[in-house]
Every structure is written in C-alpha cells, then in structure tokens.
Amino acid sequence: MTITFRVEDGRAILAPRAAIITPDQLASLRDLLAEQSLRLGFATLLPVYGVTGDPWFEFDARVCHLSLAVVSKCFDHDPCVIAILDEAQFLGRRVRVAQTEPTGDITMRLSLNRMRPRK
C-alpha cells in the first residue's frame, strides 16, 4: 500500500474523476447512511433534488464521520470510489451521488460543499 502525502501550496487541487456505481451499491450506501444517521444523531444524507428511483436525483453524503473501510465496502472497495472518499475525508468535503438521465449511469464525485462543524 502506498501512502501519498500532499503539501498545500495554494494551488488548485484536481478532484478525482467521477466513479460509476451500480443500483445495488447505491442501496447499500443509503442503508449505511441511514444506520449511521441514527447512531450519530444527525443527517448523513442530504438531498439536493429528487429521490432515488426518480428519473433524476442528486444528493450529498457526509462521509467524514465514517470509516473509509466501512463506506468503501458498499462499493466492493472499488479504487475509483476509494479515491473520491479519501479526497472527501482529506478535504473535509461531502460526496455527491447523482443520476442525471433516466437511463444514465449513477455517478459519485467530490461535492463542492464542505462539511460544517457540528455544534
């Protein structure tokens, strides 16, 4: 296993490319987020528009409070998904899951939204 360290020098960081996920992986993620929301006492799934099952939907997921291994298990430890989850946790950001076309792929990418500190 290689561990990469980054030095912040003020330059823009290139986000990892979007990962394509399956409906079964999406269901597994939603189940995990629902379970962890109850445990943590706050919402880990934040709808942007629509709901899963609609032709179009988009939501943000808070993954910083969860173990990388637990979340990546939902995706069979796919390296593309792990890169997104790792970057989200490193930067304190959410991940965005979306389906923008009725028959299109379900994608996961780094969200533009940052985590807010809990009060």
Protein backbone atom coordinates (compact mmCIF):
# COMPACT_ATOMS: atom_id res chain seq x y z
CA MET A 1 0.00 0.00 0.00
CA THR A 2 1.30 3.44 -0.93
CA ILE A 3 0.52 6.48 1.19
CA THR A 4 0.69 9.79 -0.62
CA PHE A 5 1.21 13.00 1.33
CA ARG A 6 0.30 16.35 -0.05
CA VAL A 7 1.76 19.77 0.62
CA GLU A 8 -0.77 22.59 0.36
CA ASP A 9 0.88 25.35 -1.63
CA GLY A 10 -2.22 27.35 -2.57
CA ARG A 11 -2.61 25.76 -5.98
CA ALA A 12 -5.91 24.23 -7.01
CA ILE A 13 -6.26 20.53 -6.30
CA LEU A 14 -7.58 18.40 -9.11
CA ALA A 15 -10.55 16.39 -7.92
CA PRO A 16 -10.60 12.68 -8.73
CA ARG A 17 -12.80 11.79 -11.69
CA ALA A 18 -16.34 10.59 -11.10
CA ALA A 19 -16.93 6.91 -10.36
CA ILE A 20 -19.82 4.93 -11.79
CA ILE A 21 -21.75 2.93 -9.20
CA THR A 22 -24.47 0.29 -9.51
CA PRO A 23 -28.02 0.49 -8.11
CA ASP A 24 -27.12 -2.25 -5.59
CA GLN A 25 -24.11 -0.26 -4.39
CA LEU A 26 -26.32 2.83 -4.11
CA ALA A 27 -28.83 0.89 -1.98
CA SER A 28 -26.01 -0.36 0.25
CA LEU A 29 -24.73 3.22 0.71
CA ARG A 30 -28.21 4.52 1.54
CA ASP A 31 -28.70 1.76 4.13
CA LEU A 32 -25.33 2.56 5.70
CA LEU A 33 -26.07 6.30 5.81
CA ALA A 34 -29.49 5.70 7.40
CA GLU A 35 -27.95 3.44 10.05
CA GLN A 36 -25.13 5.88 10.80
CA SER A 37 -27.50 8.87 10.95
CA LEU A 38 -29.31 7.17 13.83
CA ARG A 39 -26.04 6.37 15.59
CA LEU A 40 -24.52 9.84 15.12
CA GLY A 41 -27.69 11.84 15.73
CA PHE A 42 -27.55 13.95 12.56
CA ALA A 43 -28.32 13.50 8.87
CA THR A 44 -25.56 11.96 6.77
CA LEU A 45 -27.63 12.02 3.57
CA LEU A 46 -28.61 15.47 2.30
CA PRO A 47 -30.99 15.54 -0.71
CA VAL A 48 -30.28 18.10 -3.44
CA TYR A 49 -33.23 17.14 -5.66
CA GLY A 50 -35.37 14.09 -6.31
CA VAL A 51 -35.11 10.75 -4.55
CA THR A 52 -33.50 7.53 -5.66
CA GLY A 53 -35.87 5.77 -8.02
CA ASP A 54 -36.83 9.04 -9.73
CA PRO A 55 -35.54 9.53 -13.30
CA TRP A 56 -33.23 12.26 -11.93
CA PHE A 57 -31.85 12.61 -8.45
CA GLU A 58 -28.89 14.07 -6.65
CA PHE A 59 -27.79 14.01 -3.03
CA ASP A 60 -24.76 14.74 -0.89
CA ALA A 61 -23.42 12.29 1.67
CA ARG A 62 -21.35 13.17 4.72
CA VAL A 63 -18.58 10.59 4.84
CA CYS A 64 -16.03 12.33 7.05
CA HIS A 65 -17.56 10.89 10.23
CA LEU A 66 -17.37 7.34 8.91
CA SER A 67 -14.54 4.90 8.43
CA LEU A 68 -13.18 4.77 4.89
CA ALA A 69 -13.20 0.96 5.01
CA VAL A 70 -16.85 0.81 6.11
CA VAL A 71 -18.03 3.13 3.33
CA SER A 72 -15.84 1.60 0.62
CA LYS A 73 -17.23 -1.85 1.50
CA CYS A 74 -20.55 -0.68 -0.03
CA PHE A 75 -18.68 -0.42 -3.34
CA ASP A 76 -16.64 -3.64 -3.12
CA HIS A 77 -13.58 -1.49 -2.35
CA ASP A 78 -13.52 -0.04 -5.88
CA PRO A 79 -10.29 2.03 -6.26
CA CYS A 80 -12.12 4.84 -8.10
CA VAL A 81 -14.61 5.19 -5.25
CA ILE A 82 -11.87 4.96 -2.62
CA ALA A 83 -10.03 7.85 -4.32
CA ILE A 84 -13.17 10.01 -4.05
CA LEU A 85 -13.89 9.01 -0.44
CA ASP A 86 -10.28 9.58 0.58
CA GLU A 87 -10.20 13.01 -1.04
CA ALA A 88 -13.51 13.96 0.60
CA GLN A 89 -12.23 12.97 4.02
CA PHE A 90 -8.88 14.68 3.48
CA LEU A 91 -10.52 17.95 2.38
CA GLY A 92 -13.47 17.75 4.79
CA ARG A 93 -15.96 17.64 1.92
CA ARG A 94 -19.07 15.67 1.08
CA VAL A 95 -19.52 13.27 -1.83
CA ARG A 96 -22.23 13.85 -4.44
CA VAL A 97 -24.23 10.93 -5.87
CA ALA A 98 -26.38 11.66 -8.92
CA GLN A 99 -28.26 10.22 -11.85
CA THR A 100 -28.88 12.98 -14.37
CA GLU A 101 -30.58 10.96 -17.11
CA PRO A 102 -33.40 8.40 -16.75
CA THR A 103 -31.29 5.61 -18.26
CA GLY A 104 -27.91 7.13 -17.41
CA ASP A 105 -25.22 5.95 -15.05
CA ILE A 106 -25.29 6.68 -11.33
CA THR A 107 -22.16 8.64 -10.54
CA MET A 108 -20.26 9.57 -7.41
CA ARG A 109 -17.94 12.55 -7.29
CA LEU A 110 -16.48 15.04 -4.88
CA SER A 111 -19.10 17.59 -3.83
CA LEU A 112 -18.49 21.30 -3.93
CA ASN A 113 -19.93 21.55 -0.40
CA ARG A 114 -17.76 21.43 2.69
CA MET A 115 -18.61 19.76 5.94
CA ARG A 116 -20.00 22.09 8.58
CA PRO A 117 -18.69 21.71 12.09
CA ARG A 118 -21.17 20.11 14.47
CA LYS A 119 -22.45 22.27 17.30
